[in-house]
Amino acid sequence: MGLSESAVRRRVKNLVDGGRIRRFTIEMGDEDATRAVVLVSVDSTTDTSKVSARLTRLEGVRTVYEITGQYDIAAVMSAPNIASVNTSIDALRKIPGVTDSNTVIILRTVT
């Protein structure tokens, strides 16, 4: 890139401080992982964003979307095996305000 290490560090710091970069993450290969999409219904008296925030802290949850339609939230999960996915789903169902969930296992990604 033609920039010194210190110049790159300064640029990244400015992007973080300015809110352009919110977090750093590592994308691990999911080729051998069990992946699932969990659709979640939230009680009408519960703040959906609070449930979403709790979901982001569950083991295996990769992405959380607040959505419209029959369900309020879609969570994408990834784990080494079905048992681990099931453990995370059990924890999800215990979150206050969650009234229903529907899980679909991803069989294959088509690109």
PDB file of N, CA and C in Angstrom:
ATOM      1  N   MET A   1       0.818  -1.184   0.000  1.00  0.00           N
ATOM      2  CA  MET A   1       0.000   0.000   0.000  1.00  0.00           C
ATOM      3  C   MET A   1       0.867   1.253   0.000  1.00  0.00           C
ATOM      4  N   GLY A   2       2.117   1.099   0.313  1.00  0.00           N
ATOM      5  CA  GLY A   2       2.990   2.255   0.299  1.00  0.00           C
ATOM      6  C   GLY A   2       2.878   3.134   1.525  1.00  0.00           C
ATOM      7  N   LEU A   3       2.312   2.613   2.612  1.00  0.00           N
ATOM      8  CA  LEU A   3       2.183   3.377   3.858  1.00  0.00           C
ATOM      9  C   LEU A   3       3.028   2.728   4.939  1.00  0.00           C
ATOM     10  N   SER A   4       3.532   3.537   5.830  1.00  0.00           N
ATOM     11  CA  SER A   4       4.281   2.994   6.960  1.00  0.00           C
ATOM     12  C   SER A   4       3.306   2.372   7.959  1.00  0.00           C
ATOM     13  N   GLU A   5       3.834   1.524   8.815  1.00  0.00           N
ATOM     14  CA  GLU A   5       2.993   0.902   9.843  1.00  0.00           C
ATOM     15  C   GLU A   5       2.332   1.956  10.725  1.00  0.00           C
ATOM     16  N   SER A   6       3.080   2.982  11.112  1.00  0.00           N
ATOM     17  CA  SER A   6       2.510   4.024  11.977  1.00  0.00           C
ATOM     18  C   SER A   6       1.397   4.786  11.260  1.00  0.00           C
ATOM     19  N   ALA A   7       1.525   5.004   9.963  1.00  0.00           N
ATOM     20  CA  ALA A   7       0.473   5.694   9.207  1.00  0.00           C
ATOM     21  C   ALA A   7      -0.798   4.847   9.156  1.00  0.00           C
ATOM     22  N   VAL A   8      -0.629   3.553   8.972  1.00  0.00           N
ATOM     23  CA  VAL A   8      -1.785   2.652   8.951  1.00  0.00           C
ATOM     24  C   VAL A   8      -2.448   2.621  10.321  1.00  0.00           C
ATOM     25  N   ARG A   9      -1.657   2.528  11.384  1.00  0.00           N
ATOM     26  CA  ARG A   9      -2.211   2.530  12.745  1.00  0.00           C
ATOM     27  C   ARG A   9      -3.007   3.807  13.009  1.00  0.00           C
ATOM     28  N   ARG A  10      -2.452   4.945  12.604  1.00  0.00           N
ATOM     29  CA  ARG A  10      -3.146   6.229  12.788  1.00  0.00           C
ATOM     30  C   ARG A  10      -4.468   6.248  12.025  1.00  0.00           C
ATOM     31  N   ARG A  11      -4.434   5.774  10.800  1.00  0.00           N
ATOM     32  CA  ARG A  11      -5.641   5.762   9.967  1.00  0.00           C
ATOM     33  C   ARG A  11      -6.715   4.875  10.594  1.00  0.00           C
ATOM     34  N   VAL A  12      -6.330   3.688  11.031  1.00  0.00           N
ATOM     35  CA  VAL A  12      -7.293   2.781  11.667  1.00  0.00           C
ATOM     36  C   VAL A  12      -7.839   3.401  12.946  1.00  0.00           C
ATOM     37  N   LYS A  13      -6.983   4.007  13.755  1.00  0.00           N
ATOM     38  CA  LYS A  13      -7.435   4.662  14.985  1.00  0.00           C
ATOM     39  C   LYS A  13      -8.445   5.756  14.670  1.00  0.00           C
ATOM     40  N   ASN A  14      -8.189   6.553  13.652  1.00  0.00           N
ATOM     41  CA  ASN A  14      -9.125   7.612  13.258  1.00  0.00           C
ATOM     42  C   ASN A  14     -10.462   7.032  12.799  1.00  0.00           C
ATOM     43  N   LEU A  15     -10.421   5.925  12.074  1.00  0.00           N
ATOM     44  CA  LEU A  15     -11.656   5.283  11.630  1.00  0.00           C
ATOM     45  C   LEU A  15     -12.459   4.742  12.810  1.00  0.00           C
ATOM     46  N   VAL A  16     -11.775   4.167  13.792  1.00  0.00           N
ATOM     47  CA  VAL A  16     -12.450   3.665  14.995  1.00  0.00           C
ATOM     48  C   VAL A  16     -13.010   4.830  15.801  1.00  0.00           C
ATOM     49  N   ASP A  17     -12.190   5.835  16.044  1.00  0.00           N
ATOM     50  CA  ASP A  17     -12.629   6.998  16.827  1.00  0.00           C
ATOM     51  C   ASP A  17     -13.796   7.716  16.159  1.00  0.00           C
ATOM     52  N   GLY A  18     -13.811   7.735  14.841  1.00  0.00           N
ATOM     53  CA  GLY A  18     -14.878   8.404  14.100  1.00  0.00           C
ATOM     54  C   GLY A  18     -16.122   7.554  13.911  1.00  0.00           C
ATOM     55  N   GLY A  19     -16.085   6.314  14.387  1.00  0.00           N
ATOM     56  CA  GLY A  19     -17.258   5.452  14.306  1.00  0.00           C
ATOM     57  C   GLY A  19     -17.413   4.714  12.981  1.00  0.00           C
ATOM     58  N   ARG A  20     -16.478   4.875  12.065  1.00  0.00           N
ATOM     59  CA  ARG A  20     -16.564   4.186  10.769  1.00  0.00           C
ATOM     60  C   ARG A  20     -16.280   2.689  10.927  1.00  0.00           C
ATOM     61  N   ILE A  21     -15.403   2.343  11.861  1.00  0.00           N
ATOM     62  CA  ILE A  21     -15.151   0.944  12.211  1.00  0.00           C
ATOM     63  C   ILE A  21     -15.686   0.752  13.620  1.00  0.00           C
ATOM     64  N   ARG A  22     -16.655  -0.171  13.755  1.00  0.00           N
ATOM     65  CA  ARG A  22     -17.262  -0.399  15.066  1.00  0.00           C
ATOM     66  C   ARG A  22     -16.656  -1.578  15.802  1.00  0.00           C
ATOM     67  N   ARG A  23     -16.171  -2.565  15.065  1.00  0.00           N
ATOM     68  CA  ARG A  23     -15.573  -3.715  15.729  1.00  0.00           C
ATOM     69  C   ARG A  23     -14.679  -4.458  14.757  1.00  0.00           C
ATOM     70  N   PHE A  24     -13.804  -5.251  15.317  1.00  0.00           N
ATOM     71  CA  PHE A  24     -12.939  -6.126  14.543  1.00  0.00           C
ATOM     72  C   PHE A  24     -13.371  -7.553  14.845  1.00  0.00           C
ATOM     73  N   THR A  25     -13.348  -8.402  13.857  1.00  0.00           N
ATOM     74  CA  THR A  25     -13.771  -9.775  14.061  1.00  0.00           C
ATOM     75  C   THR A  25     -12.919 -10.712  13.217  1.00  0.00           C
ATOM     76  N   ILE A  26     -13.005 -11.970  13.527  1.00  0.00           N
ATOM     77  CA  ILE A  26     -12.301 -12.991  12.763  1.00  0.00           C
ATOM     78  C   ILE A  26     -13.348 -13.874  12.109  1.00  0.00           C
ATOM     79  N   GLU A  27     -13.262 -14.059  10.821  1.00  0.00           N
ATOM     80  CA  GLU A  27     -14.146 -14.969  10.103  1.00  0.00           C
ATOM     81  C   GLU A  27     -13.442 -16.316  10.013  1.00  0.00           C
ATOM     82  N   MET A  28     -13.998 -17.298  10.679  1.00  0.00           N
ATOM     83  CA  MET A  28     -13.408 -18.628  10.633  1.00  0.00           C
ATOM     84  C   MET A  28     -14.145 -19.448   9.585  1.00  0.00           C
ATOM     85  N   GLY A  29     -13.458 -20.387   8.994  1.00  0.00           N
ATOM     86  CA  GLY A  29     -14.082 -21.247   8.000  1.00  0.00           C
ATOM     87  C   GLY A  29     -15.205 -22.060   8.617  1.00  0.00           C
ATOM     88  N   ASP A  30     -16.368 -22.021   7.999  1.00  0.00           N
ATOM     89  CA  ASP A  30     -17.533 -22.749   8.495  1.00  0.00           C
ATOM     90  C   ASP A  30     -17.815 -24.002   7.670  1.00  0.00           C
ATOM     91  N   GLU A  31     -16.873 -24.407   6.847  1.00  0.00           N
ATOM     92  CA  GLU A  31     -17.126 -25.518   5.938  1.00  0.00           C
ATOM     93  C   GLU A  31     -17.607 -26.763   6.667  1.00  0.00           C
ATOM     94  N   ASP A  32     -17.021 -27.061   7.806  1.00  0.00           N
ATOM     95  CA  ASP A  32     -17.373 -28.273   8.541  1.00  0.00           C
ATOM     96  C   ASP A  32     -18.325 -28.004   9.703  1.00  0.00           C
ATOM     97  N   ALA A  33     -18.765 -26.775   9.852  1.00  0.00           N
ATOM     98  CA  ALA A  33     -19.630 -26.417  10.973  1.00  0.00           C
ATOM     99  C   ALA A  33     -21.085 -26.749  10.662  1.00  0.00           C
ATOM    100  N   THR A  34     -21.858 -26.903  11.714  1.00  0.00           N
ATOM    101  CA  THR A  34     -23.302 -27.009  11.586  1.00  0.00           C
ATOM    102  C   THR A  34     -23.850 -25.601  11.698  1.00  0.00           C
ATOM    103  N   ARG A  35     -24.591 -25.178  10.687  1.00  0.00           N
ATOM    104  CA  ARG A  35     -25.137 -23.824  10.683  1.00  0.00           C
ATOM    105  C   ARG A  35     -26.651 -23.880  10.704  1.00  0.00           C
ATOM    106  N   ALA A  36     -27.246 -22.878  11.339  1.00  0.00           N
ATOM    107  CA  ALA A  36     -28.701 -22.837  11.459  1.00  0.00           C
ATOM    108  C   ALA A  36     -29.187 -21.397  11.439  1.00  0.00           C
ATOM    109  N   VAL A  37     -30.437 -21.247  11.020  1.00  0.00           N
ATOM    110  CA  VAL A  37     -31.133 -19.972  11.142  1.00  0.00           C
ATOM    111  C   VAL A  37     -32.251 -20.209  12.143  1.00  0.00           C
ATOM    112  N   VAL A  38     -32.295 -19.384  13.176  1.00  0.00           N
ATOM    113  CA  VAL A  38     -33.324 -19.512  14.203  1.00  0.00           C
ATOM    114  C   VAL A  38     -34.223 -18.285  14.120  1.00  0.00           C
ATOM    115  N   LEU A  39     -35.508 -18.527  13.872  1.00  0.00           N
ATOM    116  CA  LEU A  39     -36.502 -17.459  13.834  1.00  0.00           C
ATOM    117  C   LEU A  39     -37.127 -17.367  15.216  1.00  0.00           C
ATOM    118  N   VAL A  40     -37.237 -16.159  15.745  1.00  0.00           N
ATOM    119  CA  VAL A  40     -37.641 -15.960  17.136  1.00  0.00           C
ATOM    120  C   VAL A  40     -38.822 -14.999  17.211  1.00  0.00           C
ATOM    121  N   SER A  41     -39.842 -15.382  17.976  1.00  0.00           N
ATOM    122  CA  SER A  41     -40.959 -14.484  18.286  1.00  0.00           C
ATOM    123  C   SER A  41     -40.736 -13.896  19.666  1.00  0.00           C
ATOM    124  N   VAL A  42     -41.039 -12.606  19.796  1.00  0.00           N
ATOM    125  CA  VAL A  42     -40.861 -11.891  21.057  1.00  0.00           C
ATOM    126  C   VAL A  42     -42.225 -11.412  21.534  1.00  0.00           C
ATOM    127  N   ASP A  43     -42.472 -11.546  22.826  1.00  0.00           N
ATOM    128  CA  ASP A  43     -43.714 -11.067  23.432  1.00  0.00           C
ATOM    129  C   ASP A  43     -43.918  -9.591  23.108  1.00  0.00           C
ATOM    130  N   SER A  44     -45.159  -9.200  22.837  1.00  0.00           N
ATOM    131  CA  SER A  44     -45.444  -7.819  22.417  1.00  0.00           C
ATOM    132  C   SER A  44     -45.135  -6.787  23.493  1.00  0.00           C
ATOM    133  N   THR A  45     -45.013  -7.217  24.742  1.00  0.00           N
ATOM    134  CA  THR A  45     -44.693  -6.266  25.814  1.00  0.00           C
ATOM    135  C   THR A  45     -43.192  -6.172  26.076  1.00  0.00           C
ATOM    136  N   THR A  46     -42.413  -6.933  25.317  1.00  0.00           N
ATOM    137  CA  THR A  46     -40.960  -6.970  25.505  1.00  0.00           C
ATOM    138  C   THR A  46     -40.270  -6.156  24.421  1.00  0.00           C
ATOM    139  N   ASP A  47     -39.230  -5.436  24.793  1.00  0.00           N
ATOM    140  CA  ASP A  47     -38.430  -4.660  23.845  1.00  0.00           C
ATOM    141  C   ASP A  47     -37.587  -5.626  23.003  1.00  0.00           C
ATOM    142  N   THR A  48     -37.894  -5.699  21.721  1.00  0.00           N
ATOM    143  CA  THR A  48     -37.197  -6.617  20.819  1.00  0.00           C
ATOM    144  C   THR A  48     -35.694  -6.374  20.803  1.00  0.00           C
ATOM    145  N   SER A  49     -35.283  -5.121  20.882  1.00  0.00           N
ATOM    146  CA  SER A  49     -33.846  -4.821  20.829  1.00  0.00           C
ATOM    147  C   SER A  49     -33.106  -5.395  22.034  1.00  0.00           C
ATOM    148  N   LYS A  50     -33.779  -5.505  23.174  1.00  0.00           N
ATOM    149  CA  LYS A  50     -33.138  -6.107  24.348  1.00  0.00           C
ATOM    150  C   LYS A  50     -32.935  -7.608  24.147  1.00  0.00           C
ATOM    151  N   VAL A  51     -33.924  -8.256  23.535  1.00  0.00           N
ATOM    152  CA  VAL A  51     -33.779  -9.681  23.236  1.00  0.00           C
ATOM    153  C   VAL A  51     -32.665  -9.872  22.208  1.00  0.00           C
ATOM    154  N   SER A  52     -32.632  -9.021  21.192  1.00  0.00           N
ATOM    155  CA  SER A  52     -31.578  -9.097  20.171  1.00  0.00           C
ATOM    156  C   SER A  52     -30.198  -8.961  20.797  1.00  0.00           C
ATOM    157  N   ALA A  53     -30.059  -8.025  21.711  1.00  0.00           N
ATOM    158  CA  ALA A  53     -28.769  -7.811  22.381  1.00  0.00           C
ATOM    159  C   ALA A  53     -28.355  -9.050  23.165  1.00  0.00           C
ATOM    160  N   ARG A  54     -29.305  -9.686  23.834  1.00  0.00           N
ATOM    161  CA  ARG A  54     -28.990 -10.915  24.581  1.00  0.00           C
ATOM    162  C   ARG A  54     -28.570 -12.038  23.631  1.00  0.00           C
ATOM    163  N   LEU A  55     -29.243 -12.105  22.491  1.00  0.00           N
ATOM    164  CA  LEU A  55     -28.915 -13.149  21.519  1.00  0.00           C
ATOM    165  C   LEU A  55     -27.482 -13.026  21.013  1.00  0.00           C
ATOM    166  N   THR A  56     -27.018 -11.806  20.831  1.00  0.00           N
ATOM    167  CA  THR A  56     -25.661 -11.612  20.302  1.00  0.00           C
ATOM    168  C   THR A  56     -24.598 -12.160  21.245  1.00  0.00           C
ATOM    169  N   ARG A  57     -24.950 -12.354  22.501  1.00  0.00           N
ATOM    170  CA  ARG A  57     -23.983 -12.849  23.483  1.00  0.00           C
ATOM    171  C   ARG A  57     -24.006 -14.372  23.634  1.00  0.00           C
ATOM    172  N   LEU A  58     -24.925 -15.037  22.948  1.00  0.00           N
ATOM    173  CA  LEU A  58     -24.993 -16.494  23.049  1.00  0.00           C
ATOM    174  C   LEU A  58     -23.879 -17.147  22.240  1.00  0.00           C
ATOM    175  N   GLU A  59     -23.378 -18.237  22.765  1.00  0.00           N
ATOM    176  CA  GLU A  59     -22.345 -19.015  22.080  1.00  0.00           C
ATOM    177  C   GLU A  59     -22.862 -19.471  20.718  1.00  0.00           C
ATOM    178  N   GLY A  60     -22.090 -19.225  19.689  1.00  0.00           N
ATOM    179  CA  GLY A  60     -22.434 -19.701  18.351  1.00  0.00           C
ATOM    180  C   GLY A  60     -23.253 -18.752  17.503  1.00  0.00           C
ATOM    181  N   VAL A  61     -23.814 -17.713  18.101  1.00  0.00           N
ATOM    182  CA  VAL A  61     -24.617 -16.768  17.316  1.00  0.00           C
ATOM    183  C   VAL A  61     -23.671 -15.872  16.527  1.00  0.00           C
ATOM    184  N   ARG A  62     -23.823 -15.865  15.214  1.00  0.00           N
ATOM    185  CA  ARG A  62     -22.948 -15.088  14.336  1.00  0.00           C
ATOM    186  C   ARG A  62     -23.556 -13.744  13.954  1.00  0.00           C
ATOM    187  N   THR A  63     -24.853 -13.742  13.643  1.00  0.00           N
ATOM    188  CA  THR A  63     -25.525 -12.528  13.193  1.00  0.00           C
ATOM    189  C   THR A  63     -26.951 -12.538  13.709  1.00  0.00           C
ATOM    190  N   VAL A  64     -27.446 -11.361  14.098  1.00  0.00           N
ATOM    191  CA  VAL A  64     -28.831 -11.225  14.550  1.00  0.00           C
ATOM    192  C   VAL A  64     -29.496 -10.134  13.718  1.00  0.00           C
ATOM    193  N   TYR A  65     -30.663 -10.457  13.174  1.00  0.00           N
ATOM    194  CA  TYR A  65     -31.438  -9.502  12.386  1.00  0.00           C
ATOM    195  C   TYR A  65     -32.784  -9.281  13.058  1.00  0.00           C
ATOM    196  N   GLU A  66     -33.222  -8.045  13.169  1.00  0.00           N
ATOM    197  CA  GLU A  66     -34.601  -7.763  13.556  1.00  0.00           C
ATOM    198  C   GLU A  66     -35.375  -7.671  12.253  1.00  0.00           C
ATOM    199  N   ILE A  67     -36.472  -8.433  12.160  1.00  0.00           N
ATOM    200  CA  ILE A  67     -37.174  -8.606  10.892  1.00  0.00           C
ATOM    201  C   ILE A  67     -38.670  -8.328  11.036  1.00  0.00           C
ATOM    202  N   THR A  68     -39.357  -8.276   9.915  1.00  0.00           N
ATOM    203  CA  THR A  68     -40.811  -8.136   9.918  1.00  0.00           C
ATOM    204  C   THR A  68     -41.425  -9.482   9.561  1.00  0.00           C
ATOM    205  N   GLY A  69     -42.708  -9.620   9.840  1.00  0.00           N
ATOM    206  CA  GLY A  69     -43.412 -10.850   9.494  1.00  0.00           C
ATOM    207  C   GLY A  69     -43.820 -11.618  10.732  1.00  0.00           C
ATOM    208  N   GLN A  70     -44.007 -12.909  10.558  1.00  0.00           N
ATOM    209  CA  GLN A  70     -44.472 -13.771  11.646  1.00  0.00           C
ATOM    210  C   GLN A  70     -43.496 -13.785  12.821  1.00  0.00           C
ATOM    211  N   TYR A  71     -42.209 -13.658  12.528  1.00  0.00           N
ATOM    212  CA  TYR A  71     -41.186 -13.656  13.572  1.00  0.00           C
ATOM    213  C   TYR A  71     -40.569 -12.273  13.684  1.00  0.00           C
ATOM    214  N   ASP A  72     -39.969 -11.992  14.831  1.00  0.00           N
ATOM    215  CA  ASP A  72     -39.386 -10.679  15.109  1.00  0.00           C
ATOM    216  C   ASP A  72     -37.879 -10.633  14.892  1.00  0.00           C
ATOM    217  N   ILE A  73     -37.228 -11.783  15.038  1.00  0.00           N
ATOM    218  CA  ILE A  73     -35.768 -11.850  14.979  1.00  0.00           C
ATOM    219  C   ILE A  73     -35.361 -13.089  14.189  1.00  0.00           C
ATOM    220  N   ALA A  74     -34.285 -12.947  13.420  1.00  0.00           N
ATOM    221  CA  ALA A  74     -33.633 -14.096  12.783  1.00  0.00           C
ATOM    222  C   ALA A  74     -32.189 -14.106  13.264  1.00  0.00           C
ATOM    223  N   ALA A  75     -31.764 -15.228  13.809  1.00  0.00           N
ATOM    224  CA  ALA A  75     -30.387 -15.363  14.290  1.00  0.00           C
ATOM    225  C   ALA A  75     -29.690 -16.447  13.481  1.00  0.00           C
ATOM    226  N   VAL A  76     -28.512 -16.137  12.984  1.00  0.00           N
ATOM    227  CA  VAL A  76     -27.709 -17.114  12.253  1.00  0.00           C
ATOM    228  C   VAL A  76     -26.687 -17.682  13.232  1.00  0.00           C
ATOM    229  N   MET A  77     -26.670 -19.012  13.329  1.00  0.00           N
ATOM    230  CA  MET A  77     -25.790 -19.680  14.284  1.00  0.00           C
ATOM    231  C   MET A  77     -24.821 -20.603  13.557  1.00  0.00           C
ATOM    232  N   SER A  78     -23.691 -20.843  14.191  1.00  0.00           N
ATOM    233  CA  SER A  78     -22.701 -21.779  13.675  1.00  0.00           C
ATOM    234  C   SER A  78     -22.042 -22.460  14.868  1.00  0.00           C
ATOM    235  N   ALA A  79     -21.912 -23.771  14.779  1.00  0.00           N
ATOM    236  CA  ALA A  79     -21.315 -24.534  15.880  1.00  0.00           C
ATOM    237  C   ALA A  79     -20.658 -25.782  15.299  1.00  0.00           C
ATOM    238  N   PRO A  80     -19.808 -26.425  16.084  1.00  0.00           N
ATOM    239  CA  PRO A  80     -19.104 -27.604  15.570  1.00  0.00           C
ATOM    240  C   PRO A  80     -20.018 -28.791  15.269  1.00  0.00           C
ATOM    241  N   ASN A  81     -21.174 -28.849  15.945  1.00  0.00           N
ATOM    242  CA  ASN A  81     -22.060 -29.999  15.760  1.00  0.00           C
ATOM    243  C   ASN A  81     -23.487 -29.645  16.174  1.00  0.00           C
ATOM    244  N   ILE A  82     -24.414 -30.549  15.889  1.00  0.00           N
ATOM    245  CA  ILE A  82     -25.833 -30.337  16.208  1.00  0.00           C
ATOM    246  C   ILE A  82     -26.042 -30.162  17.707  1.00  0.00           C
ATOM    247  N   ALA A  83     -25.337 -30.925  18.513  1.00  0.00           N
ATOM    248  CA  ALA A  83     -25.503 -30.823  19.967  1.00  0.00           C
ATOM    249  C   ALA A  83     -25.186 -29.413  20.455  1.00  0.00           C
ATOM    250  N   SER A  84     -24.154 -28.806  19.912  1.00  0.00           N
ATOM    251  CA  SER A  84     -23.794 -27.438  20.308  1.00  0.00           C
ATOM    252  C   SER A  84     -24.842 -26.432  19.849  1.00  0.00           C
ATOM    253  N   VAL A  85     -25.373 -26.625  18.642  1.00  0.00           N
ATOM    254  CA  VAL A  85     -26.457 -25.757  18.165  1.00  0.00           C
ATOM    255  C   VAL A  85     -27.650 -25.897  19.098  1.00  0.00           C
ATOM    256  N   ASN A  86     -27.985 -27.129  19.463  1.00  0.00           N
ATOM    257  CA  ASN A  86     -29.125 -27.378  20.342  1.00  0.00           C
ATOM    258  C   ASN A  86     -28.941 -26.726  21.707  1.00  0.00           C
ATOM    259  N   THR A  87     -27.735 -26.758  22.244  1.00  0.00           N
ATOM    260  CA  THR A  87     -27.453 -26.103  23.527  1.00  0.00           C
ATOM    261  C   THR A  87     -27.706 -24.602  23.430  1.00  0.00           C
ATOM    262  N   SER A  88     -27.273 -23.991  22.334  1.00  0.00           N
ATOM    263  CA  SER A  88     -27.501 -22.553  22.146  1.00  0.00           C
ATOM    264  C   SER A  88     -28.984 -22.245  21.986  1.00  0.00           C
ATOM    265  N   ILE A  89     -29.711 -23.117  21.291  1.00  0.00           N
ATOM    266  CA  ILE A  89     -31.155 -22.912  21.123  1.00  0.00           C
ATOM    267  C   ILE A  89     -31.859 -23.025  22.468  1.00  0.00           C
ATOM    268  N   ASP A  90     -31.446 -23.970  23.294  1.00  0.00           N
ATOM    269  CA  ASP A  90     -32.020 -24.088  24.643  1.00  0.00           C
ATOM    270  C   ASP A  90     -31.805 -22.803  25.433  1.00  0.00           C
ATOM    271  N   ALA A  91     -30.615 -22.226  25.338  1.00  0.00           N
ATOM    272  CA  ALA A  91     -30.325 -20.965  26.034  1.00  0.00           C
ATOM    273  C   ALA A  91     -31.165 -19.832  25.461  1.00  0.00           C
ATOM    274  N   LEU A  92     -31.332 -19.815  24.155  1.00  0.00           N
ATOM    275  CA  LEU A  92     -32.148 -18.788  23.496  1.00  0.00           C
ATOM    276  C   LEU A  92     -33.581 -18.817  24.022  1.00  0.00           C
ATOM    277  N   ARG A  93     -34.135 -19.995  24.146  1.00  0.00           N
ATOM    278  CA  ARG A  93     -35.534 -20.135  24.583  1.00  0.00           C
ATOM    279  C   ARG A  93     -35.750 -19.684  26.025  1.00  0.00           C
ATOM    280  N   LYS A  94     -34.686 -19.610  26.801  1.00  0.00           N
ATOM    281  CA  LYS A  94     -34.796 -19.174  28.198  1.00  0.00           C
ATOM    282  C   LYS A  94     -34.713 -17.664  28.355  1.00  0.00           C
ATOM    283  N   ILE A  95     -34.429 -16.946  27.285  1.00  0.00           N
ATOM    284  CA  ILE A  95     -34.337 -15.484  27.360  1.00  0.00           C
ATOM    285  C   ILE A  95     -35.726 -14.922  27.624  1.00  0.00           C
ATOM    286  N   PRO A  96     -35.872 -14.076  28.644  1.00  0.00           N
ATOM    287  CA  PRO A  96     -37.179 -13.488  28.938  1.00  0.00           C
ATOM    288  C   PRO A  96     -37.724 -12.727  27.726  1.00  0.00           C
ATOM    289  N   GLY A  97     -38.987 -12.984  27.410  1.00  0.00           N
ATOM    290  CA  GLY A  97     -39.628 -12.319  26.286  1.00  0.00           C
ATOM    291  C   GLY A  97     -39.718 -13.177  25.042  1.00  0.00           C
ATOM    292  N   VAL A  98     -38.911 -14.239  24.964  1.00  0.00           N
ATOM    293  CA  VAL A  98     -38.981 -15.143  23.817  1.00  0.00           C
ATOM    294  C   VAL A  98     -40.201 -16.040  23.996  1.00  0.00           C
ATOM    295  N   THR A  99     -41.110 -16.009  23.019  1.00  0.00           N
ATOM    296  CA  THR A  99     -42.336 -16.801  23.120  1.00  0.00           C
ATOM    297  C   THR A  99     -42.347 -18.012  22.200  1.00  0.00           C
ATOM    298  N   ASP A 100     -41.549 -17.972  21.131  1.00  0.00           N
ATOM    299  CA  ASP A 100     -41.555 -19.070  20.170  1.00  0.00           C
ATOM    300  C   ASP A 100     -40.273 -19.013  19.352  1.00  0.00           C
ATOM    301  N   SER A 101     -39.862 -20.161  18.840  1.00  0.00           N
ATOM    302  CA  SER A 101     -38.722 -20.180  17.923  1.00  0.00           C
ATOM    303  C   SER A 101     -38.924 -21.286  16.902  1.00  0.00           C
ATOM    304  N   ASN A 102     -38.301 -21.106  15.766  1.00  0.00           N
ATOM    305  CA  ASN A 102     -38.355 -22.087  14.694  1.00  0.00           C
ATOM    306  C   ASN A 102     -36.954 -22.165  14.107  1.00  0.00           C
ATOM    307  N   THR A 103     -36.375 -23.343  14.130  1.00  0.00           N
ATOM    308  CA  THR A 103     -34.993 -23.508  13.686  1.00  0.00           C
ATOM    309  C   THR A 103     -34.937 -24.275  12.380  1.00  0.00           C
ATOM    310  N   VAL A 104     -34.120 -23.775  11.458  1.00  0.00           N
ATOM    311  CA  VAL A 104     -33.844 -24.507  10.227  1.00  0.00           C
ATOM    312  C   VAL A 104     -32.337 -24.723  10.141  1.00  0.00           C
ATOM    313  N   ILE A 105     -31.949 -25.943   9.845  1.00  0.00           N
ATOM    314  CA  ILE A 105     -30.535 -26.277   9.694  1.00  0.00           C
ATOM    315  C   ILE A 105     -30.144 -26.021   8.238  1.00  0.00           C
ATOM    316  N   ILE A 106     -29.022 -25.359   8.038  1.00  0.00           N
ATOM    317  CA  ILE A 106     -28.534 -25.079   6.689  1.00  0.00           C
ATOM    318  C   ILE A 106     -27.806 -26.321   6.183  1.00  0.00           C
ATOM    319  N   LEU A 107     -28.288 -26.866   5.084  1.00  0.00           N
ATOM    320  CA  LEU A 107     -27.692 -28.075   4.525  1.00  0.00           C
ATOM    321  C   LEU A 107     -26.513 -27.777   3.610  1.00  0.00           C
ATOM    322  N   ARG A 108     -26.646 -26.695   2.839  1.00  0.00           N
ATOM    323  CA  ARG A 108     -25.620 -26.398   1.845  1.00  0.00           C
ATOM    324  C   ARG A 108     -25.733 -24.933   1.457  1.00  0.00           C
ATOM    325  N   THR A 109     -24.606 -24.311   1.180  1.00  0.00           N
ATOM    326  CA  THR A 109     -24.579 -22.938   0.688  1.00  0.00           C
ATOM    327  C   THR A 109     -24.328 -22.979  -0.812  1.00  0.00           C
ATOM    328  N   VAL A 110     -25.185 -22.308  -1.561  1.00  0.00           N
ATOM    329  CA  VAL A 110     -25.053 -22.251  -3.010  1.00  0.00           C
ATOM    330  C   VAL A 110     -24.565 -20.863  -3.375  1.00  0.00           C
ATOM    331  N   THR A 111     -23.432 -20.789  -4.066  1.00  0.00           N
ATOM    332  CA  THR A 111     -22.903 -19.476  -4.446  1.00  0.00           C
ATOM    333  C   THR A 111     -22.842 -19.319  -5.944  1.00  0.00           C
TER     334      THR A 111
END
